[in-house]
């Protein structure tokens, strides 16, 4: 991806593959932070949809168990996800 590592190119073919070195390349920390924050945002957006349906029908037990502080998690982690992606 951003900084490929963990393999050697020999005569135009990939050889000597090291999966650990590929996963722990120089850009891996940046990618892990960005994707962790993006997962928080995605999960929180699903909870926000549940909160919307809960506002429409308060007797819905499925949505009431999934709403809560999760939309706040989305709002607080979204700027960090954007900053870590640039």
Protein backbone atom coordinates (compact mmCIF):
# COMPACT_ATOMS: atom_id res chain seq x y z
CA UNK A 1 0.00 0.00 0.00
CA UNK A 2 1.77 3.14 1.16
CA UNK A 3 5.16 1.60 1.81
CA UNK A 4 5.39 -1.99 0.61
CA UNK A 5 7.75 -4.20 2.59
CA UNK A 6 8.30 -7.85 3.40
CA UNK A 7 9.22 -9.18 -0.04
CA UNK A 8 11.89 -8.97 -2.70
CA UNK A 9 11.46 -8.60 -6.44
CA UNK A 10 13.64 -11.08 -8.31
CA UNK A 11 13.44 -10.98 -12.12
CA UNK A 12 10.04 -9.31 -11.97
CA UNK A 13 8.57 -11.90 -9.61
CA UNK A 14 7.88 -11.70 -5.90
CA UNK A 15 10.23 -13.83 -3.79
CA UNK A 16 11.33 -14.18 -0.18
CA UNK A 17 7.97 -13.20 1.34
CA UNK A 18 7.93 -12.20 5.02
CA UNK A 19 4.31 -11.65 6.21
CA UNK A 20 5.36 -10.13 9.55
CA UNK A 21 7.55 -7.53 7.84
CA UNK A 22 4.69 -6.79 5.43
CA UNK A 23 2.27 -6.18 8.31
CA UNK A 24 4.76 -4.11 10.32
CA UNK A 25 5.94 -1.83 7.54
CA UNK A 26 6.78 1.82 8.26
CA UNK A 27 3.21 2.96 7.53
CA UNK A 28 1.47 0.35 9.68
CA UNK A 29 1.07 2.54 12.79
CA UNK A 30 -0.58 5.30 10.79
CA UNK A 31 -2.91 2.81 9.06
CA UNK A 32 -3.89 1.09 12.32
CA UNK A 33 -4.72 4.39 14.03
CA UNK A 34 -6.74 5.60 11.05
CA UNK A 35 -8.72 2.36 10.66
CA UNK A 36 -9.41 2.06 14.40
CA UNK A 37 -10.89 5.55 14.45
CA UNK A 38 -12.86 4.81 11.28
CA UNK A 39 -14.28 1.69 12.93
CA UNK A 40 -15.44 3.80 15.89
CA UNK A 41 -17.13 6.22 13.51
CA UNK A 42 -18.83 3.45 11.49
CA UNK A 43 -20.06 1.64 14.59
CA UNK A 44 -21.32 4.86 16.09
CA UNK A 45 -23.18 5.81 12.93
CA UNK A 46 -25.06 2.52 13.09
CA UNK A 47 -25.97 3.36 16.68
CA UNK A 48 -27.13 6.79 15.54
CA UNK A 49 -29.51 5.12 13.10
CA UNK A 50 -30.87 3.07 16.00
CA UNK A 51 -31.28 6.27 18.00
CA UNK A 52 -33.23 7.83 15.13
CA UNK A 53 -35.62 4.88 15.03
CA UNK A 54 -35.87 4.99 18.82
CA UNK A 55 -37.02 8.61 18.62
CA UNK A 56 -39.71 7.59 16.16
CA UNK A 57 -40.96 4.65 18.26
CA UNK A 58 -39.84 4.61 21.90
CA UNK A 59 -41.34 1.17 22.60
CA UNK A 60 -38.88 -0.56 20.31
CA UNK A 61 -36.58 -2.67 22.55
CA UNK A 62 -34.00 -3.42 19.84
CA UNK A 63 -33.19 0.23 19.13
CA UNK A 64 -33.29 1.28 22.76
CA UNK A 65 -30.54 -1.16 23.67
CA UNK A 66 -28.25 0.16 20.92
CA UNK A 67 -28.69 3.89 21.39
CA UNK A 68 -26.91 5.82 24.09
CA UNK A 69 -23.57 7.60 24.12
CA UNK A 70 -22.42 6.07 20.83
CA UNK A 71 -23.37 9.06 18.64
CA UNK A 72 -21.12 11.14 20.90
CA UNK A 73 -18.29 8.68 20.24
CA UNK A 74 -18.82 9.20 16.51
CA UNK A 75 -18.77 12.97 16.83
CA UNK A 76 -15.63 12.94 18.96
CA UNK A 77 -13.66 10.41 16.91
CA UNK A 78 -14.56 11.70 13.43
CA UNK A 79 -12.19 14.71 13.49
CA UNK A 80 -9.35 12.49 14.65
CA UNK A 81 -10.10 9.98 11.87
CA UNK A 82 -10.00 12.79 9.32
CA UNK A 83 -6.75 14.18 10.72
CA UNK A 84 -5.08 10.77 10.84
CA UNK A 85 -6.01 10.11 7.20
CA UNK A 86 -4.21 13.13 5.86
